PDB file of N, CA and C in Angstrom:
ATOM      1  N   MET A   1     -18.590 -51.465 -24.256  1.00  0.00           N
ATOM      2  CA  MET A   1     -18.184 -51.947 -23.037  1.00  0.00           C
ATOM      3  C   MET A   1     -17.689 -50.764 -22.218  1.00  0.00           C
ATOM      4  N   THR A   2     -18.067 -50.696 -20.964  1.00  0.00           N
ATOM      5  CA  THR A   2     -17.642 -49.641 -20.130  1.00  0.00           C
ATOM      6  C   THR A   2     -16.216 -49.914 -19.624  1.00  0.00           C
ATOM      7  N   GLN A   3     -15.582 -48.861 -19.052  1.00  0.00           N
ATOM      8  CA  GLN A   3     -14.203 -49.025 -18.589  1.00  0.00           C
ATOM      9  C   GLN A   3     -14.141 -50.118 -17.468  1.00  0.00           C
ATOM     10  N   GLU A   4     -15.126 -50.129 -16.638  1.00  0.00           N
ATOM     11  CA  GLU A   4     -15.148 -51.148 -15.627  1.00  0.00           C
ATOM     12  C   GLU A   4     -15.321 -52.576 -16.124  1.00  0.00           C
ATOM     13  N   GLU A   5     -16.198 -52.725 -17.210  1.00  0.00           N
ATOM     14  CA  GLU A   5     -16.372 -53.944 -17.854  1.00  0.00           C
ATOM     15  C   GLU A   5     -15.007 -54.407 -18.434  1.00  0.00           C
ATOM     16  N   ILE A   6     -14.353 -53.508 -19.107  1.00  0.00           N
ATOM     17  CA  ILE A   6     -13.124 -53.807 -19.717  1.00  0.00           C
ATOM     18  C   ILE A   6     -12.101 -54.289 -18.668  1.00  0.00           C
ATOM     19  N   LYS A   7     -11.998 -53.471 -17.580  1.00  0.00           N
ATOM     20  CA  LYS A   7     -11.096 -53.856 -16.441  1.00  0.00           C
ATOM     21  C   LYS A   7     -11.310 -55.265 -15.937  1.00  0.00           C
ATOM     22  N   SER A   8     -12.567 -55.612 -15.847  1.00  0.00           N
ATOM     23  CA  SER A   8     -12.930 -57.025 -15.298  1.00  0.00           C
ATOM     24  C   SER A   8     -12.422 -58.101 -16.193  1.00  0.00           C
ATOM     25  N   LYS A   9     -12.201 -57.801 -17.510  1.00  0.00           N
ATOM     26  CA  LYS A   9     -11.865 -58.849 -18.468  1.00  0.00           C
ATOM     27  C   LYS A   9     -10.363 -58.839 -18.795  1.00  0.00           C
ATOM     28  N   MET A  10      -9.644 -57.842 -18.198  1.00  0.00           N
ATOM     29  CA  MET A  10      -8.265 -57.661 -18.505  1.00  0.00           C
ATOM     30  C   MET A  10      -7.424 -58.844 -17.968  1.00  0.00           C
ATOM     31  N   GLN A  11      -6.353 -59.141 -18.673  1.00  0.00           N
ATOM     32  CA  GLN A  11      -5.400 -60.301 -18.220  1.00  0.00           C
ATOM     33  C   GLN A  11      -3.978 -59.689 -18.208  1.00  0.00           C
ATOM     34  N   TYR A  12      -3.100 -60.447 -17.644  1.00  0.00           N
ATOM     35  CA  TYR A  12      -1.705 -60.157 -17.601  1.00  0.00           C
ATOM     36  C   TYR A  12      -1.237 -59.919 -18.964  1.00  0.00           C
ATOM     37  N   GLY A  13      -0.572 -58.797 -19.244  1.00  0.00           N
ATOM     38  CA  GLY A  13       0.093 -58.564 -20.534  1.00  0.00           C
ATOM     39  C   GLY A  13      -0.700 -57.564 -21.381  1.00  0.00           C
ATOM     40  N   ASP A  14      -1.947 -57.343 -20.967  1.00  0.00           N
ATOM     41  CA  ASP A  14      -2.840 -56.451 -21.755  1.00  0.00           C
ATOM     42  C   ASP A  14      -2.249 -55.060 -21.892  1.00  0.00           C
ATOM     43  N   TYR A  15      -1.729 -54.495 -20.834  1.00  0.00           N
ATOM     44  CA  TYR A  15      -1.124 -53.172 -20.860  1.00  0.00           C
ATOM     45  C   TYR A  15       0.068 -53.142 -21.776  1.00  0.00           C
ATOM     46  N   ALA A  16       0.846 -54.173 -21.817  1.00  0.00           N
ATOM     47  CA  ALA A  16       2.018 -54.255 -22.662  1.00  0.00           C
ATOM     48  C   ALA A  16       1.563 -54.288 -24.175  1.00  0.00           C
ATOM     49  N   THR A  17       0.534 -55.048 -24.481  1.00  0.00           N
ATOM     50  CA  THR A  17      -0.022 -55.034 -25.808  1.00  0.00           C
ATOM     51  C   THR A  17      -0.643 -53.647 -26.138  1.00  0.00           C
ATOM     52  N   LEU A  18      -1.295 -53.054 -25.233  1.00  0.00           N
ATOM     53  CA  LEU A  18      -1.818 -51.674 -25.434  1.00  0.00           C
ATOM     54  C   LEU A  18      -0.734 -50.663 -25.709  1.00  0.00           C
ATOM     55  N   GLY A  19       0.343 -50.796 -24.930  1.00  0.00           N
ATOM     56  CA  GLY A  19       1.534 -49.920 -25.115  1.00  0.00           C
ATOM     57  C   GLY A  19       2.101 -50.025 -26.500  1.00  0.00           C
ATOM     58  N   LYS A  20       2.166 -51.274 -27.086  1.00  0.00           N
ATOM     59  CA  LYS A  20       2.639 -51.480 -28.382  1.00  0.00           C
ATOM     60  C   LYS A  20       1.753 -50.900 -29.408  1.00  0.00           C
ATOM     61  N   ILE A  21       0.494 -51.047 -29.204  1.00  0.00           N
ATOM     62  CA  ILE A  21      -0.528 -50.347 -30.176  1.00  0.00           C
ATOM     63  C   ILE A  21      -0.488 -48.918 -30.188  1.00  0.00           C
ATOM     64  N   LEU A  22      -0.335 -48.334 -29.042  1.00  0.00           N
ATOM     65  CA  LEU A  22      -0.317 -46.882 -28.853  1.00  0.00           C
ATOM     66  C   LEU A  22       1.093 -46.274 -29.090  1.00  0.00           C
ATOM     67  N   LYS A  23       2.066 -47.134 -29.194  1.00  0.00           N
ATOM     68  CA  LYS A  23       3.456 -46.770 -29.395  1.00  0.00           C
ATOM     69  C   LYS A  23       3.920 -45.894 -28.212  1.00  0.00           C
ATOM     70  N   VAL A  24       3.619 -46.372 -26.969  1.00  0.00           N
ATOM     71  CA  VAL A  24       3.996 -45.707 -25.793  1.00  0.00           C
ATOM     72  C   VAL A  24       4.533 -46.817 -24.781  1.00  0.00           C
ATOM     73  N   THR A  25       5.108 -46.394 -23.668  1.00  0.00           N
ATOM     74  CA  THR A  25       5.521 -47.311 -22.673  1.00  0.00           C
ATOM     75  C   THR A  25       4.342 -47.999 -22.069  1.00  0.00           C
ATOM     76  N   VAL A  26       4.583 -49.159 -21.307  1.00  0.00           N
ATOM     77  CA  VAL A  26       3.527 -49.812 -20.595  1.00  0.00           C
ATOM     78  C   VAL A  26       2.951 -48.894 -19.575  1.00  0.00           C
ATOM     79  N   ASP A  27       3.787 -48.175 -18.856  1.00  0.00           N
ATOM     80  CA  ASP A  27       3.300 -47.260 -17.791  1.00  0.00           C
ATOM     81  C   ASP A  27       2.397 -46.112 -18.405  1.00  0.00           C
ATOM     82  N   ALA A  28       2.846 -45.579 -19.545  1.00  0.00           N
ATOM     83  CA  ALA A  28       1.999 -44.544 -20.217  1.00  0.00           C
ATOM     84  C   ALA A  28       0.689 -45.176 -20.664  1.00  0.00           C
ATOM     85  N   ALA A  29       0.742 -46.346 -21.274  1.00  0.00           N
ATOM     86  CA  ALA A  29      -0.489 -47.043 -21.684  1.00  0.00           C
ATOM     87  C   ALA A  29      -1.456 -47.209 -20.474  1.00  0.00           C
ATOM     88  N   ARG A  30      -0.953 -47.736 -19.357  1.00  0.00           N
ATOM     89  CA  ARG A  30      -1.778 -47.852 -18.161  1.00  0.00           C
ATOM     90  C   ARG A  30      -2.415 -46.555 -17.731  1.00  0.00           C
ATOM     91  N   LYS A  31      -1.590 -45.502 -17.726  1.00  0.00           N
ATOM     92  CA  LYS A  31      -2.122 -44.172 -17.248  1.00  0.00           C
ATOM     93  C   LYS A  31      -3.236 -43.699 -18.237  1.00  0.00           C
ATOM     94  N   ARG A  32      -2.930 -43.816 -19.523  1.00  0.00           N
ATOM     95  CA  ARG A  32      -4.019 -43.357 -20.487  1.00  0.00           C
ATOM     96  C   ARG A  32      -5.243 -44.141 -20.380  1.00  0.00           C
ATOM     97  N   PHE A  33      -5.141 -45.425 -20.111  1.00  0.00           N
ATOM     98  CA  PHE A  33      -6.367 -46.201 -19.902  1.00  0.00           C
ATOM     99  C   PHE A  33      -7.078 -45.777 -18.697  1.00  0.00           C
ATOM    100  N   ASN A  34      -6.351 -45.667 -17.546  1.00  0.00           N
ATOM    101  CA  ASN A  34      -7.008 -45.262 -16.287  1.00  0.00           C
ATOM    102  C   ASN A  34      -7.601 -43.854 -16.287  1.00  0.00           C
ATOM    103  N   ARG A  35      -7.085 -43.069 -17.153  1.00  0.00           N
ATOM    104  CA  ARG A  35      -7.632 -41.747 -17.289  1.00  0.00           C
ATOM    105  C   ARG A  35      -8.808 -41.660 -18.209  1.00  0.00           C
ATOM    106  N   GLY A  36      -9.122 -42.732 -18.829  1.00  0.00           N
ATOM    107  CA  GLY A  36     -10.295 -42.826 -19.689  1.00  0.00           C
ATOM    108  C   GLY A  36     -10.106 -42.269 -21.095  1.00  0.00           C
ATOM    109  N   ASP A  37      -8.750 -42.315 -21.577  1.00  0.00           N
ATOM    110  CA  ASP A  37      -8.466 -41.876 -22.915  1.00  0.00           C
ATOM    111  C   ASP A  37      -9.161 -42.727 -23.971  1.00  0.00           C
ATOM    112  N   ASN A  38      -9.982 -42.098 -24.827  1.00  0.00           N
ATOM    113  CA  ASN A  38     -10.752 -42.871 -25.736  1.00  0.00           C
ATOM    114  C   ASN A  38     -10.043 -43.802 -26.597  1.00  0.00           C
ATOM    115  N   GLU A  39      -8.897 -43.418 -27.156  1.00  0.00           N
ATOM    116  CA  GLU A  39      -8.040 -44.277 -27.896  1.00  0.00           C
ATOM    117  C   GLU A  39      -7.576 -45.402 -27.226  1.00  0.00           C
ATOM    118  N   ALA A  40      -7.220 -45.263 -25.977  1.00  0.00           N
ATOM    119  CA  ALA A  40      -6.698 -46.435 -25.083  1.00  0.00           C
ATOM    120  C   ALA A  40      -7.900 -47.407 -24.832  1.00  0.00           C
ATOM    121  N   LEU A  41      -9.109 -46.817 -24.454  1.00  0.00           N
ATOM    122  CA  LEU A  41     -10.185 -47.654 -24.153  1.00  0.00           C
ATOM    123  C   LEU A  41     -10.684 -48.472 -25.395  1.00  0.00           C
ATOM    124  N   ASP A  42     -10.721 -47.797 -26.495  1.00  0.00           N
ATOM    125  CA  ASP A  42     -11.119 -48.543 -27.830  1.00  0.00           C
ATOM    126  C   ASP A  42     -10.099 -49.670 -28.070  1.00  0.00           C
ATOM    127  N   ALA A  43      -8.813 -49.345 -27.947  1.00  0.00           N
ATOM    128  CA  ALA A  43      -7.795 -50.394 -28.258  1.00  0.00           C
ATOM    129  C   ALA A  43      -7.812 -51.535 -27.252  1.00  0.00           C
ATOM    130  N   MET A  44      -8.051 -51.187 -25.978  1.00  0.00           N
ATOM    131  CA  MET A  44      -8.120 -52.268 -25.027  1.00  0.00           C
ATOM    132  C   MET A  44      -9.389 -53.153 -25.208  1.00  0.00           C
ATOM    133  N   GLN A  45     -10.499 -52.572 -25.627  1.00  0.00           N
ATOM    134  CA  GLN A  45     -11.760 -53.335 -25.884  1.00  0.00           C
ATOM    135  C   GLN A  45     -11.405 -54.208 -27.082  1.00  0.00           C
ATOM    136  N   LYS A  46     -10.729 -53.824 -28.079  1.00  0.00           N
ATOM    137  CA  LYS A  46     -10.414 -54.680 -29.229  1.00  0.00           C
ATOM    138  C   LYS A  46      -9.480 -55.753 -28.872  1.00  0.00           C
ATOM    139  N   ILE A  47      -8.515 -55.488 -27.957  1.00  0.00           N
ATOM    140  CA  ILE A  47      -7.624 -56.552 -27.438  1.00  0.00           C
ATOM    141  C   ILE A  47      -8.400 -57.667 -26.788  1.00  0.00           C
ATOM    142  N   ILE A  48      -9.308 -57.293 -26.000  1.00  0.00           N
ATOM    143  CA  ILE A  48     -10.130 -58.264 -25.238  1.00  0.00           C
ATOM    144  C   ILE A  48     -11.014 -59.034 -26.197  1.00  0.00           C
ATOM    145  N   GLU A  49     -11.693 -58.273 -27.098  1.00  0.00           N
ATOM    146  CA  GLU A  49     -12.602 -58.999 -28.064  1.00  0.00           C
ATOM    147  C   GLU A  49     -11.828 -59.915 -28.896  1.00  0.00           C
ATOM    148  N   ALA A  50     -10.631 -59.543 -29.328  1.00  0.00           N
ATOM    149  CA  ALA A  50      -9.893 -60.421 -30.248  1.00  0.00           C
ATOM    150  C   ALA A  50      -9.380 -61.668 -29.460  1.00  0.00           C
ATOM    151  N   ARG A  51      -8.972 -61.550 -28.237  1.00  0.00           N
ATOM    152  CA  ARG A  51      -8.584 -62.671 -27.431  1.00  0.00           C
ATOM    153  C   ARG A  51      -9.776 -63.590 -27.237  1.00  0.00           C
ATOM    154  N   GLU A  52     -10.989 -63.038 -26.880  1.00  0.00           N
ATOM    155  CA  GLU A  52     -12.166 -63.880 -26.621  1.00  0.00           C
ATOM    156  C   GLU A  52     -12.551 -64.659 -27.930  1.00  0.00           C
ATOM    157  N   GLU A  53     -12.484 -63.955 -29.036  1.00  0.00           N
ATOM    158  CA  GLU A  53     -12.815 -64.555 -30.331  1.00  0.00           C
ATOM    159  C   GLU A  53     -11.832 -65.672 -30.689  1.00  0.00           C
ATOM    160  N   LEU A  54     -10.550 -65.410 -30.454  1.00  0.00           N
ATOM    161  CA  LEU A  54      -9.514 -66.418 -30.770  1.00  0.00           C
ATOM    162  C   LEU A  54      -9.757 -67.686 -29.908  1.00  0.00           C
ATOM    163  N   ILE A  55      -9.917 -67.413 -28.633  1.00  0.00           N
ATOM    164  CA  ILE A  55     -10.222 -68.576 -27.712  1.00  0.00           C
ATOM    165  C   ILE A  55     -11.436 -69.343 -28.222  1.00  0.00           C
ATOM    166  N   GLN A  56     -12.441 -68.721 -28.543  1.00  0.00           N
ATOM    167  CA  GLN A  56     -13.757 -69.392 -28.905  1.00  0.00           C
ATOM    168  C   GLN A  56     -13.496 -70.156 -30.277  1.00  0.00           C
ATOM    169  N   ASN A  57     -12.760 -69.537 -31.223  1.00  0.00           N
ATOM    170  CA  ASN A  57     -12.508 -70.207 -32.430  1.00  0.00           C
ATOM    171  C   ASN A  57     -11.635 -71.510 -32.233  1.00  0.00           C
ATOM    172  N   LEU A  58     -10.666 -71.416 -31.390  1.00  0.00           N
ATOM    173  CA  LEU A  58      -9.795 -72.548 -31.166  1.00  0.00           C
ATOM    174  C   LEU A  58     -10.523 -73.669 -30.339  1.00  0.00           C
ATOM    175  N   LYS A  59     -11.485 -73.272 -29.525  1.00  0.00           N
ATOM    176  CA  LYS A  59     -12.239 -74.316 -28.779  1.00  0.00           C
ATOM    177  C   LYS A  59     -13.204 -75.023 -29.766  1.00  0.00           C
ATOM    178  N   THR A  60     -13.735 -74.312 -30.732  1.00  0.00           N
ATOM    179  CA  THR A  60     -14.667 -74.954 -31.639  1.00  0.00           C
ATOM    180  C   THR A  60     -14.056 -75.545 -32.951  1.00  0.00           C
ATOM    181  N   GLY A  61     -12.703 -75.402 -33.072  1.00  0.00           N
ATOM    182  CA  GLY A  61     -12.127 -75.895 -34.162  1.00  0.00           C
ATOM    183  C   GLY A  61     -12.253 -75.063 -35.468  1.00  0.00           C
ATOM    184  N   GLU A  62     -12.548 -73.792 -35.383  1.00  0.00           N
ATOM    185  CA  GLU A  62     -12.762 -73.002 -36.546  1.00  0.00           C
ATOM    186  C   GLU A  62     -11.396 -72.488 -37.078  1.00  0.00           C
ATOM    187  N   ASN A  63     -10.242 -72.848 -36.564  1.00  0.00           N
ATOM    188  CA  ASN A  63      -9.041 -72.414 -37.058  1.00  0.00           C
ATOM    189  C   ASN A  63      -8.432 -73.198 -38.195  1.00  0.00           C
ATOM    190  N   ASP A  64      -9.152 -74.214 -38.638  1.00  0.00           N
ATOM    191  CA  ASP A  64      -8.707 -75.080 -39.662  1.00  0.00           C
ATOM    192  C   ASP A  64      -8.815 -74.449 -41.039  1.00  0.00           C
TER     193      ASP A  64
END
């Protein structure tokens, strides 16, 4: 996923989650992501993929 694709799928709270993963402030996480930091981009992509998978699993009842 490109940085622009990731940005288009981001939701409220994603920078806070990213900050927790990177062990930095929300502001620092946002700046690292916007600068194209590979660790931040990879983590944000995983956040989005995990959310999409969770939503899909709950919709189809795979959480049982």
